[in-house]
Amino acid sequence: MSLEPTAWRRSSYSGGTGGNCVESATNESRALVRDSKLDDSPVHVFTAQAWAAMTNDLRTGFRGREPRLRLT
């Protein structure tokens, strides 16, 4: 699988101060995520389903339940 996306999208929370944020992109049926400060940073690959679940959990604050996606 190629990790070359069509375009990276920088988080709206990145701002211009060089804070800790991410860029995301899609490729085939995957979501790609990397450090917004480093163009050549490692790319983390998620299935579309895992990415949707994680971003929904972050957006809704988990609504009083445990996260569905655990990173160990």
Protein backbone atom coordinates (compact mmCIF):
# COMPACT_ATOMS: atom_id res chain seq x y z
CA MET A 1 0.00 0.00 0.00
CA SER A 2 1.30 3.43 -0.91
CA LEU A 3 1.31 6.09 1.79
CA GLU A 4 1.25 8.94 -0.72
CA PRO A 5 -1.93 10.95 -0.14
CA THR A 6 -3.40 13.42 -2.59
CA ALA A 7 -3.06 16.28 -0.06
CA TRP A 8 -2.33 16.75 3.64
CA ARG A 9 -4.82 18.81 5.68
CA ARG A 10 -3.46 20.66 8.72
CA SER A 11 -5.55 20.74 11.87
CA SER A 12 -7.30 24.05 12.44
CA TYR A 13 -5.80 23.96 15.95
CA SER A 14 -2.22 24.05 14.64
CA GLY A 15 -2.11 27.83 14.40
CA GLY A 16 1.07 29.62 13.45
CA THR A 17 2.97 29.11 16.69
CA GLY A 18 4.39 25.66 15.97
CA GLY A 19 2.28 23.94 18.62
CA ASN A 20 1.64 20.23 18.88
CA CYS A 21 -0.80 19.33 16.13
CA VAL A 22 -1.37 16.92 13.30
CA GLU A 23 -1.97 16.75 9.59
CA SER A 24 -4.30 14.17 8.10
CA ALA A 25 -4.98 12.79 4.66
CA THR A 26 -6.81 9.91 3.04
CA ASN A 27 -5.51 7.25 0.69
CA GLU A 28 -7.55 4.36 -0.65
CA SER A 29 -9.59 3.26 2.40
CA ARG A 30 -7.12 4.53 5.00
CA ALA A 31 -6.64 7.67 7.08
CA LEU A 32 -3.05 8.90 7.37
CA VAL A 33 -1.83 11.08 10.25
CA ARG A 34 1.52 12.77 10.85
CA ASP A 35 3.14 15.52 12.94
CA SER A 36 2.34 18.91 11.39
CA LYS A 37 5.76 20.32 12.30
CA LEU A 38 7.74 17.67 10.42
CA ASP A 39 6.99 17.08 6.74
CA ASP A 40 8.98 13.84 6.81
CA SER A 41 7.61 12.56 10.14
CA PRO A 42 6.42 8.95 10.48
CA VAL A 43 2.92 8.35 9.11
CA HIS A 44 0.36 6.59 11.30
CA VAL A 45 -2.18 4.59 9.30
CA PHE A 46 -5.76 3.95 10.48
CA THR A 47 -8.62 2.15 8.80
CA ALA A 48 -11.44 4.48 7.83
CA GLN A 49 -13.63 2.89 10.51
CA ALA A 50 -11.04 3.33 13.29
CA TRP A 51 -10.37 6.95 12.26
CA ALA A 52 -14.09 7.78 12.23
CA ALA A 53 -14.57 6.20 15.68
CA MET A 54 -11.59 8.04 17.15
CA THR A 55 -12.47 11.46 15.74
CA ASN A 56 -16.09 11.01 16.83
CA ASP A 57 -14.95 10.11 20.36
CA LEU A 58 -12.68 13.16 20.49
CA ARG A 59 -15.40 15.44 19.11
CA THR A 60 -18.08 14.23 21.54
CA GLY A 61 -15.87 13.84 24.62
CA PHE A 62 -16.71 10.11 24.87
CA ARG A 63 -20.09 11.01 26.43
CA GLY A 64 -19.41 9.25 29.72
CA ARG A 65 -18.02 6.01 28.33
CA GLU A 66 -14.66 4.46 27.67
CA PRO A 67 -12.98 5.15 24.31
CA ARG A 68 -13.60 2.53 21.63
CA LEU A 69 -10.05 2.73 20.30
CA ARG A 70 -7.22 1.93 22.68
CA LEU A 71 -3.61 2.61 21.79
CA THR A 72 -1.24 0.46 23.79
